[in-house]
Amino acid sequence: MLELEKEMSEEFREFYLGRTKEALLEEEMELDGMRYFTGYTKEYVKVAVRADGHAANTMVRGRMERELSDGLYLMVEF
């Protein structure tokens, strides 16, 4: 049952790949030597935006490009 839940959750998140969404940025993190701000879309999909010029508690709009790590998706801002 847990495996099915994980699979359905992944399918839900992957549905948004290539789509334009808005997200609230919450915290800064480093992944593979790059700095990102992470946050969530209104659908609770966790996204990361390159940290250049961003700050916590700000809204961004962009296209969800690809999965960076388990459950974390790269959002490219417009």
PDB file of N, CA and C in Angstrom:
ATOM      1  N   MET A   1       0.813  -1.192   0.000  1.00  0.00           N
ATOM      2  CA  MET A   1       0.000   0.000   0.000  1.00  0.00           C
ATOM      3  C   MET A   1       0.864   1.268   0.000  1.00  0.00           C
ATOM      4  N   LEU A   2       1.947   1.263   0.777  1.00  0.00           N
ATOM      5  CA  LEU A   2       2.832   2.422   0.808  1.00  0.00           C
ATOM      6  C   LEU A   2       3.516   2.638  -0.536  1.00  0.00           C
ATOM      7  N   GLU A   3       3.836   1.557  -1.217  1.00  0.00           N
ATOM      8  CA  GLU A   3       4.466   1.667  -2.534  1.00  0.00           C
ATOM      9  C   GLU A   3       3.514   2.332  -3.529  1.00  0.00           C
ATOM     10  N   LEU A   4       2.246   1.986  -3.466  1.00  0.00           N
ATOM     11  CA  LEU A   4       1.237   2.596  -4.333  1.00  0.00           C
ATOM     12  C   LEU A   4       1.108   4.088  -4.036  1.00  0.00           C
ATOM     13  N   GLU A   5       1.113   4.450  -2.761  1.00  0.00           N
ATOM     14  CA  GLU A   5       1.020   5.861  -2.374  1.00  0.00           C
ATOM     15  C   GLU A   5       2.211   6.638  -2.919  1.00  0.00           C
ATOM     16  N   LYS A   6       3.400   6.065  -2.811  1.00  0.00           N
ATOM     17  CA  LYS A   6       4.606   6.723  -3.313  1.00  0.00           C
ATOM     18  C   LYS A   6       4.527   6.906  -4.829  1.00  0.00           C
ATOM     19  N   GLU A   7       4.079   5.884  -5.530  1.00  0.00           N
ATOM     20  CA  GLU A   7       3.958   5.949  -6.985  1.00  0.00           C
ATOM     21  C   GLU A   7       2.945   7.015  -7.410  1.00  0.00           C
ATOM     22  N   MET A   8       1.816   7.067  -6.731  1.00  0.00           N
ATOM     23  CA  MET A   8       0.784   8.051  -7.069  1.00  0.00           C
ATOM     24  C   MET A   8       1.262   9.469  -6.765  1.00  0.00           C
ATOM     25  N   SER A   9       1.995   9.641  -5.681  1.00  0.00           N
ATOM     26  CA  SER A   9       2.533  10.945  -5.326  1.00  0.00           C
ATOM     27  C   SER A   9       3.523  11.418  -6.385  1.00  0.00           C
ATOM     28  N   GLU A  10       4.370  10.522  -6.849  1.00  0.00           N
ATOM     29  CA  GLU A  10       5.345  10.858  -7.888  1.00  0.00           C
ATOM     30  C   GLU A  10       4.637  11.223  -9.191  1.00  0.00           C
ATOM     31  N   GLU A  11       3.620  10.475  -9.561  1.00  0.00           N
ATOM     32  CA  GLU A  11       2.853  10.778 -10.776  1.00  0.00           C
ATOM     33  C   GLU A  11       2.192  12.148 -10.668  1.00  0.00           C
ATOM     34  N   PHE A  12       1.671  12.465  -9.488  1.00  0.00           N
ATOM     35  CA  PHE A  12       1.043  13.764  -9.256  1.00  0.00           C
ATOM     36  C   PHE A  12       2.045  14.883  -9.489  1.00  0.00           C
ATOM     37  N   ARG A  13       3.244  14.772  -8.917  1.00  0.00           N
ATOM     38  CA  ARG A  13       4.268  15.813  -9.069  1.00  0.00           C
ATOM     39  C   ARG A  13       4.745  15.906 -10.512  1.00  0.00           C
ATOM     40  N   GLU A  14       4.960  14.782 -11.165  1.00  0.00           N
ATOM     41  CA  GLU A  14       5.455  14.786 -12.542  1.00  0.00           C
ATOM     42  C   GLU A  14       4.439  15.383 -13.519  1.00  0.00           C
ATOM     43  N   PHE A  15       3.181  15.374 -13.155  1.00  0.00           N
ATOM     44  CA  PHE A  15       2.136  15.985 -13.975  1.00  0.00           C
ATOM     45  C   PHE A  15       2.450  17.456 -14.242  1.00  0.00           C
ATOM     46  N   TYR A  16       3.120  18.115 -13.306  1.00  0.00           N
ATOM     47  CA  TYR A  16       3.388  19.545 -13.411  1.00  0.00           C
ATOM     48  C   TYR A  16       4.652  19.884 -14.194  1.00  0.00           C
ATOM     49  N   LEU A  17       5.450  18.894 -14.568  1.00  0.00           N
ATOM     50  CA  LEU A  17       6.661  19.167 -15.347  1.00  0.00           C
ATOM     51  C   LEU A  17       6.293  19.856 -16.659  1.00  0.00           C
ATOM     52  N   GLY A  18       7.021  20.922 -16.982  1.00  0.00           N
ATOM     53  CA  GLY A  18       6.770  21.676 -18.202  1.00  0.00           C
ATOM     54  C   GLY A  18       5.674  22.718 -18.070  1.00  0.00           C
ATOM     55  N   ARG A  19       5.009  22.750 -16.945  1.00  0.00           N
ATOM     56  CA  ARG A  19       3.913  23.701 -16.731  1.00  0.00           C
ATOM     57  C   ARG A  19       4.406  24.930 -15.975  1.00  0.00           C
ATOM     58  N   THR A  20       3.706  26.032 -16.178  1.00  0.00           N
ATOM     59  CA  THR A  20       4.009  27.272 -15.475  1.00  0.00           C
ATOM     60  C   THR A  20       3.226  27.304 -14.169  1.00  0.00           C
ATOM     61  N   LYS A  21       3.935  27.560 -13.072  1.00  0.00           N
ATOM     62  CA  LYS A  21       3.312  27.594 -11.750  1.00  0.00           C
ATOM     63  C   LYS A  21       3.902  28.748 -10.947  1.00  0.00           C
ATOM     64  N   GLU A  22       3.261  29.062  -9.840  1.00  0.00           N
ATOM     65  CA  GLU A  22       3.785  30.021  -8.872  1.00  0.00           C
ATOM     66  C   GLU A  22       4.162  29.260  -7.613  1.00  0.00           C
ATOM     67  N   ALA A  23       5.181  29.769  -6.924  1.00  0.00           N
ATOM     68  CA  ALA A  23       5.622  29.114  -5.690  1.00  0.00           C
ATOM     69  C   ALA A  23       6.046  30.170  -4.677  1.00  0.00           C
ATOM     70  N   LEU A  24       5.868  29.840  -3.420  1.00  0.00           N
ATOM     71  CA  LEU A  24       6.337  30.674  -2.318  1.00  0.00           C
ATOM     72  C   LEU A  24       7.689  30.125  -1.877  1.00  0.00           C
ATOM     73  N   LEU A  25       8.731  30.950  -1.990  1.00  0.00           N
ATOM     74  CA  LEU A  25      10.067  30.526  -1.576  1.00  0.00           C
ATOM     75  C   LEU A  25      10.185  30.634  -0.061  1.00  0.00           C
ATOM     76  N   GLU A  26      10.816  29.622   0.547  1.00  0.00           N
ATOM     77  CA  GLU A  26      10.879  29.577   2.002  1.00  0.00           C
ATOM     78  C   GLU A  26      12.287  29.573   2.571  1.00  0.00           C
ATOM     79  N   GLU A  27      13.172  28.741   2.020  1.00  0.00           N
ATOM     80  CA  GLU A  27      14.504  28.655   2.621  1.00  0.00           C
ATOM     81  C   GLU A  27      15.572  28.387   1.572  1.00  0.00           C
ATOM     82  N   GLU A  28      16.788  28.764   1.911  1.00  0.00           N
ATOM     83  CA  GLU A  28      17.919  28.582   1.014  1.00  0.00           C
ATOM     84  C   GLU A  28      18.598  27.253   1.328  1.00  0.00           C
ATOM     85  N   MET A  29      19.105  26.609   0.285  1.00  0.00           N
ATOM     86  CA  MET A  29      19.822  25.347   0.458  1.00  0.00           C
ATOM     87  C   MET A  29      20.893  25.220  -0.614  1.00  0.00           C
ATOM     88  N   GLU A  30      21.809  24.292  -0.411  1.00  0.00           N
ATOM     89  CA  GLU A  30      22.831  23.999  -1.411  1.00  0.00           C
ATOM     90  C   GLU A  30      22.661  22.558  -1.858  1.00  0.00           C
ATOM     91  N   LEU A  31      22.756  22.356  -3.172  1.00  0.00           N
ATOM     92  CA  LEU A  31      22.645  21.022  -3.745  1.00  0.00           C
ATOM     93  C   LEU A  31      23.646  20.917  -4.883  1.00  0.00           C
ATOM     94  N   ASP A  32      24.542  19.966  -4.792  1.00  0.00           N
ATOM     95  CA  ASP A  32      25.571  19.757  -5.817  1.00  0.00           C
ATOM     96  C   ASP A  32      26.357  21.030  -6.123  1.00  0.00           C
ATOM     97  N   GLY A  33      26.679  21.788  -5.085  1.00  0.00           N
ATOM     98  CA  GLY A  33      27.480  22.996  -5.244  1.00  0.00           C
ATOM     99  C   GLY A  33      26.724  24.222  -5.731  1.00  0.00           C
ATOM    100  N   MET A  34      25.422  24.105  -5.953  1.00  0.00           N
ATOM    101  CA  MET A  34      24.600  25.237  -6.406  1.00  0.00           C
ATOM    102  C   MET A  34      23.702  25.688  -5.254  1.00  0.00           C
ATOM    103  N   ARG A  35      23.467  27.008  -5.171  1.00  0.00           N
ATOM    104  CA  ARG A  35      22.586  27.571  -4.146  1.00  0.00           C
ATOM    105  C   ARG A  35      21.184  27.733  -4.731  1.00  0.00           C
ATOM    106  N   TYR A  36      20.181  27.303  -3.975  1.00  0.00           N
ATOM    107  CA  TYR A  36      18.783  27.386  -4.390  1.00  0.00           C
ATOM    108  C   TYR A  36      17.942  27.921  -3.240  1.00  0.00           C
ATOM    109  N   PHE A  37      16.803  28.503  -3.590  1.00  0.00           N
ATOM    110  CA  PHE A  37      15.742  28.733  -2.624  1.00  0.00           C
ATOM    111  C   PHE A  37      14.692  27.681  -2.909  1.00  0.00           C
ATOM    112  N   THR A  38      14.195  27.052  -1.868  1.00  0.00           N
ATOM    113  CA  THR A  38      13.147  26.050  -2.037  1.00  0.00           C
ATOM    114  C   THR A  38      11.839  26.580  -1.488  1.00  0.00           C
ATOM    115  N   GLY A  39      10.770  26.048  -2.021  1.00  0.00           N
ATOM    116  CA  GLY A  39       9.441  26.422  -1.571  1.00  0.00           C
ATOM    117  C   GLY A  39       8.423  25.477  -2.173  1.00  0.00           C
ATOM    118  N   TYR A  40       7.162  25.875  -2.117  1.00  0.00           N
ATOM    119  CA  TYR A  40       6.085  25.004  -2.573  1.00  0.00           C
ATOM    120  C   TYR A  40       5.116  25.754  -3.471  1.00  0.00           C
ATOM    121  N   THR A  41       4.581  25.028  -4.447  1.00  0.00           N
ATOM    122  CA  THR A  41       3.482  25.558  -5.242  1.00  0.00           C
ATOM    123  C   THR A  41       2.212  25.441  -4.407  1.00  0.00           C
ATOM    124  N   LYS A  42       1.113  26.000  -4.896  1.00  0.00           N
ATOM    125  CA  LYS A  42      -0.140  25.885  -4.141  1.00  0.00           C
ATOM    126  C   LYS A  42      -0.641  24.444  -4.107  1.00  0.00           C
ATOM    127  N   GLU A  43      -0.113  23.600  -4.996  1.00  0.00           N
ATOM    128  CA  GLU A  43      -0.460  22.173  -4.990  1.00  0.00           C
ATOM    129  C   GLU A  43       0.492  21.364  -4.105  1.00  0.00           C
ATOM    130  N   TYR A  44       1.370  22.049  -3.376  1.00  0.00           N
ATOM    131  CA  TYR A  44       2.338  21.438  -2.455  1.00  0.00           C
ATOM    132  C   TYR A  44       3.398  20.602  -3.162  1.00  0.00           C
ATOM    133  N   VAL A  45       3.774  21.031  -4.365  1.00  0.00           N
ATOM    134  CA  VAL A  45       4.903  20.414  -5.052  1.00  0.00           C
ATOM    135  C   VAL A  45       6.137  21.212  -4.645  1.00  0.00           C
ATOM    136  N   LYS A  46       7.145  20.527  -4.119  1.00  0.00           N
ATOM    137  CA  LYS A  46       8.354  21.212  -3.657  1.00  0.00           C
ATOM    138  C   LYS A  46       9.229  21.566  -4.849  1.00  0.00           C
ATOM    139  N   VAL A  47       9.613  22.843  -4.927  1.00  0.00           N
ATOM    140  CA  VAL A  47      10.413  23.331  -6.044  1.00  0.00           C
ATOM    141  C   VAL A  47      11.662  24.042  -5.532  1.00  0.00           C
ATOM    142  N   ALA A  48      12.633  24.166  -6.420  1.00  0.00           N
ATOM    143  CA  ALA A  48      13.861  24.900  -6.135  1.00  0.00           C
ATOM    144  C   ALA A  48      14.102  25.892  -7.265  1.00  0.00           C
ATOM    145  N   VAL A  49      14.500  27.107  -6.892  1.00  0.00           N
ATOM    146  CA  VAL A  49      14.827  28.168  -7.846  1.00  0.00           C
ATOM    147  C   VAL A  49      16.245  28.610  -7.525  1.00  0.00           C
ATOM    148  N   ARG A  50      17.066  28.819  -8.546  1.00  0.00           N
ATOM    149  CA  ARG A  50      18.430  29.293  -8.279  1.00  0.00           C
ATOM    150  C   ARG A  50      18.371  30.534  -7.400  1.00  0.00           C
ATOM    151  N   ALA A  51      19.252  30.599  -6.422  1.00  0.00           N
ATOM    152  CA  ALA A  51      19.177  31.609  -5.365  1.00  0.00           C
ATOM    153  C   ALA A  51      19.508  33.026  -5.815  1.00  0.00           C
ATOM    154  N   ASP A  52      20.098  33.200  -6.975  1.00  0.00           N
ATOM    155  CA  ASP A  52      20.518  34.525  -7.439  1.00  0.00           C
ATOM    156  C   ASP A  52      19.392  35.548  -7.327  1.00  0.00           C
ATOM    157  N   GLY A  53      19.556  36.521  -6.432  1.00  0.00           N
ATOM    158  CA  GLY A  53      18.610  37.623  -6.327  1.00  0.00           C
ATOM    159  C   GLY A  53      17.282  37.291  -5.681  1.00  0.00           C
ATOM    160  N   HIS A  54      17.134  36.132  -5.087  1.00  0.00           N
ATOM    161  CA  HIS A  54      15.876  35.767  -4.448  1.00  0.00           C
ATOM    162  C   HIS A  54      15.981  35.869  -2.931  1.00  0.00           C
ATOM    163  N   ALA A  55      14.845  35.865  -2.288  1.00  0.00           N
ATOM    164  CA  ALA A  55      14.796  35.928  -0.832  1.00  0.00           C
ATOM    165  C   ALA A  55      13.639  35.072  -0.335  1.00  0.00           C
ATOM    166  N   ALA A  56      13.725  34.679   0.916  1.00  0.00           N
ATOM    167  CA  ALA A  56      12.646  33.902   1.526  1.00  0.00           C
ATOM    168  C   ALA A  56      11.371  34.736   1.576  1.00  0.00           C
ATOM    169  N   ASN A  57      10.249  34.049   1.588  1.00  0.00           N
ATOM    170  CA  ASN A  57       8.921  34.655   1.688  1.00  0.00           C
ATOM    171  C   ASN A  57       8.574  35.536   0.494  1.00  0.00           C
ATOM    172  N   THR A  58       9.037  35.134  -0.685  1.00  0.00           N
ATOM    173  CA  THR A  58       8.663  35.830  -1.916  1.00  0.00           C
ATOM    174  C   THR A  58       8.027  34.832  -2.875  1.00  0.00           C
ATOM    175  N   MET A  59       7.152  35.340  -3.724  1.00  0.00           N
ATOM    176  CA  MET A  59       6.498  34.512  -4.736  1.00  0.00           C
ATOM    177  C   MET A  59       7.287  34.599  -6.036  1.00  0.00           C
ATOM    178  N   VAL A  60       7.399  33.465  -6.720  1.00  0.00           N
ATOM    179  CA  VAL A  60       8.033  33.433  -8.037  1.00  0.00           C
ATOM    180  C   VAL A  60       7.114  32.688  -8.992  1.00  0.00           C
ATOM    181  N   ARG A  61       7.286  32.967 -10.266  1.00  0.00           N
ATOM    182  CA  ARG A  61       6.510  32.291 -11.305  1.00  0.00           C
ATOM    183  C   ARG A  61       7.503  31.723 -12.305  1.00  0.00           C
ATOM    184  N   GLY A  62       7.317  30.465 -12.658  1.00  0.00           N
ATOM    185  CA  GLY A  62       8.236  29.853 -13.603  1.00  0.00           C
ATOM    186  C   GLY A  62       7.737  28.505 -14.079  1.00  0.00           C
ATOM    187  N   ARG A  63       8.550  27.895 -14.914  1.00  0.00           N
ATOM    188  CA  ARG A  63       8.212  26.594 -15.495  1.00  0.00           C
ATOM    189  C   ARG A  63       8.969  25.504 -14.740  1.00  0.00           C
ATOM    190  N   MET A  64       8.274  24.464 -14.394  1.00  0.00           N
ATOM    191  CA  MET A  64       8.897  23.336 -13.709  1.00  0.00           C
ATOM    192  C   MET A  64       9.619  22.489 -14.748  1.00  0.00           C
ATOM    193  N   GLU A  65      10.941  22.400 -14.611  1.00  0.00           N
ATOM    194  CA  GLU A  65      11.781  21.793 -15.640  1.00  0.00           C
ATOM    195  C   GLU A  65      12.073  20.310 -15.443  1.00  0.00           C
ATOM    196  N   ARG A  66      12.602  19.958 -14.266  1.00  0.00           N
ATOM    197  CA  ARG A  66      13.030  18.571 -14.055  1.00  0.00           C
ATOM    198  C   ARG A  66      13.186  18.307 -12.564  1.00  0.00           C
ATOM    199  N   GLU A  67      13.326  17.044 -12.223  1.00  0.00           N
ATOM    200  CA  GLU A  67      13.536  16.672 -10.827  1.00  0.00           C
ATOM    201  C   GLU A  67      15.014  16.835 -10.489  1.00  0.00           C
ATOM    202  N   LEU A  68      15.303  17.580  -9.419  1.00  0.00           N
ATOM    203  CA  LEU A  68      16.682  17.757  -8.957  1.00  0.00           C
ATOM    204  C   LEU A  68      17.103  16.627  -8.034  1.00  0.00           C
ATOM    205  N   SER A  69      16.222  16.247  -7.164  1.00  0.00           N
ATOM    206  CA  SER A  69      16.448  15.136  -6.243  1.00  0.00           C
ATOM    207  C   SER A  69      15.074  14.586  -5.884  1.00  0.00           C
ATOM    208  N   ASP A  70      15.041  13.592  -5.070  1.00  0.00           N
ATOM    209  CA  ASP A  70      13.784  12.921  -4.748  1.00  0.00           C
ATOM    210  C   ASP A  70      12.722  13.905  -4.251  1.00  0.00           C
ATOM    211  N   GLY A  71      11.736  14.170  -5.088  1.00  0.00           N
ATOM    212  CA  GLY A  71      10.627  15.033  -4.708  1.00  0.00           C
ATOM    213  C   GLY A  71      10.893  16.525  -4.779  1.00  0.00           C
ATOM    214  N   LEU A  72      12.037  16.940  -5.313  1.00  0.00           N
ATOM    215  CA  LEU A  72      12.387  18.360  -5.432  1.00  0.00           C
ATOM    216  C   LEU A  72      12.574  18.684  -6.910  1.00  0.00           C
ATOM    217  N   TYR A  73      11.804  19.658  -7.401  1.00  0.00           N
ATOM    218  CA  TYR A  73      11.790  19.971  -8.827  1.00  0.00           C
ATOM    219  C   TYR A  73      12.365  21.352  -9.100  1.00  0.00           C
ATOM    220  N   LEU A  74      13.177  21.447 -10.158  1.00  0.00           N
ATOM    221  CA  LEU A  74      13.768  22.713 -10.566  1.00  0.00           C
ATOM    222  C   LEU A  74      12.713  23.562 -11.258  1.00  0.00           C
ATOM    223  N   MET A  75      12.573  24.795 -10.798  1.00  0.00           N
ATOM    224  CA  MET A  75      11.673  25.751 -11.435  1.00  0.00           C
ATOM    225  C   MET A  75      12.527  26.838 -12.073  1.00  0.00           C
ATOM    226  N   VAL A  76      12.327  27.064 -13.369  1.00  0.00           N
ATOM    227  CA  VAL A  76      13.049  28.110 -14.086  1.00  0.00           C
ATOM    228  C   VAL A  76      12.130  29.314 -14.158  1.00  0.00           C
ATOM    229  N   GLU A  77      12.576  30.392 -13.545  1.00  0.00           N
ATOM    230  CA  GLU A  77      11.765  31.603 -13.444  1.00  0.00           C
ATOM    231  C   GLU A  77      11.723  32.344 -14.774  1.00  0.00           C
ATOM    232  N   PHE A  78      10.598  32.984 -15.046  1.00  0.00           N
ATOM    233  CA  PHE A  78      10.450  33.811 -16.253  1.00  0.00           C
ATOM    234  C   PHE A  78      10.950  35.203 -15.991  1.00  0.00           C
TER     235      PHE A  78
END
